[in-house]
Amino acid sequence: MKINHLFKALLIAGMLTAGATSWAGDGAIRVSNEGGAPVARFSLGDSHCVLKDDRVLCTPASKLAR
């Protein structure tokens, strides 16, 4: 009985992880060095985000003109 419960929990955790990964976009995190401090740039949904000095700053992606 405990094996079934453990297997179900692992299966659900794997599905949630896969879903979050596919939802997050391309999954690419680019890390650069600016002024001796690491800066990480990534996309989250339709926003562009930067992690700098322990702060995450996100700006919405520009909308295409119709």
Protein backbone atom coordinates (compact mmCIF):
# COMPACT_ATOMS: atom_id res chain seq x y z
CA MET A 1 0.00 0.00 0.00
CA LYS A 2 2.82 2.41 0.86
CA ILE A 3 4.55 1.65 -2.46
CA ASN A 4 1.42 2.69 -4.38
CA HIS A 5 1.17 5.92 -2.40
CA LEU A 6 4.86 6.70 -2.98
CA PHE A 7 4.59 5.91 -6.69
CA LYS A 8 1.54 8.18 -7.07
CA ALA A 9 3.30 11.01 -5.24
CA LEU A 10 6.38 10.69 -7.46
CA LEU A 11 4.23 10.56 -10.59
CA ILE A 12 2.32 13.71 -9.60
CA ALA A 13 5.57 15.53 -8.72
CA GLY A 14 7.04 14.60 -12.10
CA MET A 15 3.95 15.81 -13.95
CA LEU A 16 3.95 19.13 -12.07
CA THR A 17 7.63 19.64 -12.78
CA ALA A 18 7.19 18.90 -16.49
CA GLY A 19 4.21 21.24 -16.69
CA ALA A 20 6.03 24.07 -14.95
CA THR A 21 9.04 23.64 -17.21
CA SER A 22 7.00 23.77 -20.40
CA TRP A 23 4.97 26.75 -19.12
CA ALA A 24 8.06 28.77 -18.20
CA GLY A 25 9.03 29.27 -21.82
CA ASP A 26 12.23 28.17 -23.46
CA GLY A 27 13.84 27.51 -20.08
CA ALA A 28 16.99 29.40 -21.04
CA ILE A 29 18.63 31.38 -18.28
CA ARG A 30 21.50 33.54 -19.45
CA VAL A 31 24.01 34.52 -16.77
CA SER A 32 26.48 37.34 -17.31
CA ASN A 33 28.86 39.31 -15.15
CA GLU A 34 28.14 43.04 -14.80
CA GLY A 35 30.43 45.06 -12.57
CA GLY A 36 31.69 41.95 -10.81
CA ALA A 37 28.18 40.77 -9.90
CA PRO A 38 26.34 37.92 -11.63
CA VAL A 39 23.15 38.88 -13.48
CA ALA A 40 20.64 36.28 -14.73
CA ARG A 41 18.22 37.04 -17.58
CA PHE A 42 15.25 34.84 -18.42
CA SER A 43 11.71 34.89 -19.78
CA LEU A 44 8.63 34.00 -17.79
CA GLY A 45 5.43 33.78 -19.80
CA ASP A 46 5.28 36.96 -21.87
CA SER A 47 7.66 38.90 -19.60
CA HIS A 48 11.40 39.43 -19.67
CA CYS A 49 13.02 39.15 -16.24
CA VAL A 50 16.38 39.99 -14.67
CA LEU A 51 17.77 38.69 -11.38
CA LYS A 52 20.27 41.22 -10.06
CA ASP A 53 21.37 41.97 -6.48
CA ASP A 54 18.91 39.38 -5.08
CA ARG A 55 15.96 41.12 -6.78
CA VAL A 56 13.85 39.93 -9.69
CA LEU A 57 12.64 42.64 -12.05
CA CYS A 58 10.16 41.69 -14.79
CA THR A 59 8.85 43.81 -17.65
CA PRO A 60 6.08 42.76 -20.01
CA ALA A 61 7.12 41.93 -23.56
CA SER A 62 6.16 44.62 -26.03
CA LYS A 63 2.96 43.93 -27.91
CA LEU A 64 3.14 43.79 -31.68
CA ALA A 65 1.35 46.63 -33.43
CA ARG A 66 -1.75 45.53 -35.27
